[in-house]
């Protein structure tokens, strides 16, 4: 089958039901839907970015297997946020009690919740302003901790409810604070030290 480009008009708005139909018809695509119904198509990540994303998800997963406090999700997982957006962070974690409160049907689809922890990894094709807005959207919808990591600049933005964004230049590690208790992310692999 030949690949063909898809052009989506900026004025196109889709309902949640239409979005689900599009996703089911195109399982190979990474799609998101904004709270206003805008359809977003994410390009595949490059090999280096994909490796970084996998490493980050593995690190969170190893911690979670030991702590057994919740569920870890990779970048292919969509969440239906309270504002109606369907978003897929590069890595996410949901506290066990929140996950268990969902019905089996809710767990099968786009879980109707905002993850307690979200991580976005800046790639060369991302616009910083877009990712910053996405991080703020997570906070506005209930996330308790968010990290926006830029491997190129070696900068991390930390998002917490009720606080200004904290910007760290070339940190060696990040703490999961009270959201991911005991988790410390070593950034040496990501920053190439």
Protein backbone atom coordinates (compact mmCIF):
# COMPACT_ATOMS: atom_id res chain seq x y z
CA UNK A 1 0.00 0.00 0.00
CA UNK A 2 1.31 3.45 -0.89
CA UNK A 3 1.52 6.18 1.77
CA UNK A 4 -0.28 9.41 1.03
CA UNK A 5 0.03 12.71 2.83
CA UNK A 6 -2.84 13.86 5.01
CA UNK A 7 -3.63 17.56 5.24
CA UNK A 8 -5.95 18.62 8.04
CA UNK A 9 -7.54 22.06 7.85
CA UNK A 10 -6.97 24.10 11.00
CA UNK A 11 -10.69 24.82 11.10
CA UNK A 12 -11.64 21.12 11.24
CA UNK A 13 -13.16 20.15 14.58
CA UNK A 14 -14.04 16.58 15.53
CA UNK A 15 -16.28 15.26 18.27
CA UNK A 16 -15.01 12.62 20.65
CA UNK A 17 -17.02 9.95 18.80
CA UNK A 18 -15.55 11.05 15.46
CA UNK A 19 -12.08 11.04 17.00
CA UNK A 20 -12.56 7.46 18.21
CA UNK A 21 -13.69 6.41 14.71
CA UNK A 22 -10.60 8.03 13.16
CA UNK A 23 -8.30 6.35 15.69
CA UNK A 24 -9.89 2.93 15.13
CA UNK A 25 -9.59 3.33 11.35
CA UNK A 26 -5.93 4.46 11.62
CA UNK A 27 -4.29 2.49 14.45
CA UNK A 28 -0.81 3.21 13.10
CA UNK A 29 -1.18 6.96 13.63
CA UNK A 30 -0.43 8.89 16.84
CA UNK A 31 -3.37 11.23 17.25
CA UNK A 32 -4.56 13.66 19.90
CA UNK A 33 -7.68 15.80 20.20
CA UNK A 34 -7.67 19.20 21.88
CA UNK A 35 -10.43 20.35 24.21
CA UNK A 36 -11.86 22.42 21.32
CA UNK A 37 -11.98 19.41 18.97
CA UNK A 38 -8.85 20.13 16.94
CA UNK A 39 -7.26 16.96 15.56
CA UNK A 40 -3.50 16.71 16.05
CA UNK A 41 -1.32 14.22 14.19
CA UNK A 42 2.08 13.56 15.73
CA UNK A 43 4.91 12.49 13.48
CA UNK A 44 6.93 9.46 14.50
CA UNK A 45 9.85 10.32 16.70
CA UNK A 46 13.42 9.96 15.50
CA UNK A 47 15.53 7.04 16.63
CA UNK A 48 17.44 9.00 19.26
CA UNK A 49 14.26 10.51 20.72
CA UNK A 50 12.58 7.11 20.68
CA UNK A 51 15.50 5.65 22.60
CA UNK A 52 15.33 8.44 25.18
CA UNK A 53 11.59 7.98 25.57
CA UNK A 54 12.00 4.24 26.06
CA UNK A 55 14.74 4.75 28.67
CA UNK A 56 12.56 7.19 30.62
CA UNK A 57 9.56 4.86 30.57
CA UNK A 58 11.75 1.93 31.65
CA UNK A 59 13.16 3.94 34.57
CA UNK A 60 9.69 4.91 35.78
CA UNK A 61 8.51 1.33 35.26
CA UNK A 62 11.36 -0.17 37.30
CA UNK A 63 10.63 2.22 40.16
CA UNK A 64 6.91 1.43 39.96
CA UNK A 65 7.47 -2.34 40.01
CA UNK A 66 9.35 -1.92 43.28
CA UNK A 67 7.03 0.69 44.81
CA UNK A 68 3.80 -0.84 43.41
CA UNK A 69 1.96 2.46 43.84
CA UNK A 70 0.28 2.84 40.45
CA UNK A 71 0.39 2.23 36.71
CA UNK A 72 2.97 3.40 34.15
CA UNK A 73 1.99 4.30 30.58
CA UNK A 74 4.04 4.88 27.43
CA UNK A 75 3.63 7.43 24.67
CA UNK A 76 1.02 5.43 22.79
CA UNK A 77 -1.53 5.80 25.62
CA UNK A 78 -4.27 8.39 25.32
CA UNK A 79 -6.12 9.88 28.29
CA UNK A 80 -9.46 11.70 28.12
CA UNK A 81 -8.84 14.77 30.27
CA UNK A 82 -11.66 16.44 32.22
CA UNK A 83 -11.68 19.33 29.69
CA UNK A 84 -12.51 16.88 26.87
CA UNK A 85 -9.05 16.75 25.29
CA UNK A 86 -7.52 13.37 24.50
CA UNK A 87 -3.79 13.60 25.13
CA UNK A 88 -0.88 11.15 25.00
CA UNK A 89 2.13 12.19 27.11
CA UNK A 90 5.50 10.60 26.34
CA UNK A 91 5.34 8.85 29.72
CA UNK A 92 2.71 8.93 32.45
CA UNK A 93 1.89 7.47 35.84
CA UNK A 94 -1.49 7.07 37.53
CA UNK A 95 -1.89 6.38 41.25
CA UNK A 96 -3.30 2.91 41.98
CA UNK A 97 -6.51 4.15 43.68
CA UNK A 98 -7.37 6.30 40.65
CA UNK A 99 -6.78 3.41 38.27
CA UNK A 100 -8.83 0.98 40.36
CA UNK A 101 -11.72 3.47 40.48
CA UNK A 102 -12.16 3.09 36.69
CA UNK A 103 -14.54 0.55 35.22
CA UNK A 104 -13.13 -2.18 32.97
CA UNK A 105 -14.65 -0.36 29.97
CA UNK A 106 -12.95 2.91 30.98
CA UNK A 107 -9.60 1.12 31.26
CA UNK A 108 -10.00 -0.34 27.76
CA UNK A 109 -10.52 3.01 26.05
CA UNK A 110 -8.96 6.39 26.70
CA UNK A 111 -9.07 6.46 30.49
CA UNK A 112 -11.20 9.41 31.63
CA UNK A 113 -8.62 11.00 33.88
CA UNK A 114 -5.49 13.11 33.90
CA UNK A 115 -2.36 11.22 34.97
CA UNK A 116 -0.88 12.17 38.34
CA UNK A 117 2.54 12.45 36.67
CA UNK A 118 3.30 13.35 33.05
CA UNK A 119 6.53 13.62 31.11
CA UNK A 120 7.03 15.26 27.75
CA UNK A 121 10.31 14.90 25.88
CA UNK A 122 11.14 17.75 23.50
CA UNK A 123 11.99 16.53 20.00
CA UNK A 124 13.45 18.50 17.08
CA UNK A 125 10.01 18.77 15.45
CA UNK A 126 8.25 20.05 18.60
CA UNK A 127 7.52 23.71 19.28
CA UNK A 128 8.42 24.62 22.86
CA UNK A 129 5.34 26.84 23.21
CA UNK A 130 3.06 23.96 22.22
CA UNK A 131 4.59 21.61 24.76
CA UNK A 132 4.49 24.25 27.49
CA UNK A 133 0.77 24.78 26.78
CA UNK A 134 0.25 21.01 26.89
CA UNK A 135 2.03 20.80 30.25
CA UNK A 136 -0.16 23.60 31.61
CA UNK A 137 -3.22 21.76 30.29
CA UNK A 138 -2.18 18.66 32.26
CA UNK A 139 -1.87 20.77 35.43
CA UNK A 140 -5.21 22.48 34.82
CA UNK A 141 -6.81 19.04 34.53
CA UNK A 142 -5.38 17.52 37.71
CA UNK A 143 -1.80 16.40 37.13
CA UNK A 144 0.31 16.74 40.29
CA UNK A 145 3.77 16.74 38.71
CA UNK A 146 5.07 17.23 35.19
CA UNK A 147 8.49 17.26 33.59
CA UNK A 148 9.25 18.80 30.21
CA UNK A 149 12.73 17.59 29.24
CA UNK A 150 14.75 19.09 26.38
CA UNK A 151 17.77 16.88 25.57
CA UNK A 152 19.21 19.46 23.14
CA UNK A 153 19.42 22.34 25.62
CA UNK A 154 19.73 20.01 28.64
CA UNK A 155 16.98 21.96 30.30
CA UNK A 156 14.04 20.68 32.36
CA UNK A 157 10.84 22.51 33.20
CA UNK A 158 9.05 21.23 36.30
CA UNK A 159 5.30 21.79 36.56
CA UNK A 160 3.47 21.63 39.90
CA UNK A 161 -0.04 22.82 40.83
CA UNK A 162 -0.21 26.28 42.37
CA UNK A 163 3.45 27.05 41.70
CA UNK A 164 5.46 28.79 39.02
CA UNK A 165 7.25 26.60 36.51
CA UNK A 166 10.73 25.75 37.78
CA UNK A 167 13.44 25.71 35.11
CA UNK A 168 16.58 23.67 35.73
CA UNK A 169 19.70 23.96 33.58
CA UNK A 170 21.63 20.73 33.13
CA UNK A 171 20.35 18.88 36.20
CA UNK A 172 22.01 15.53 36.87
CA UNK A 173 18.80 14.07 38.30
CA UNK A 174 15.16 14.79 39.05
CA UNK A 175 13.18 13.83 42.13
CA UNK A 176 9.72 12.31 41.93
CA UNK A 177 8.93 14.29 45.06
CA UNK A 178 5.80 13.19 46.92
CA UNK A 179 4.03 12.14 43.72
CA UNK A 180 6.55 9.41 42.85
CA UNK A 181 8.04 8.84 46.33
CA UNK A 182 11.58 7.54 46.24
CA UNK A 183 11.93 7.89 42.47
CA UNK A 184 15.03 9.68 41.21
CA UNK A 185 15.58 10.02 37.47
CA UNK A 186 19.23 9.99 36.41
CA UNK A 187 19.52 12.25 33.34
CA UNK A 188 23.01 11.17 32.26
CA UNK A 189 21.70 8.91 29.48
CA UNK A 190 19.37 11.58 28.15
CA UNK A 191 21.85 14.45 28.32
CA UNK A 192 24.74 12.36 26.98
CA UNK A 193 27.21 12.83 29.81
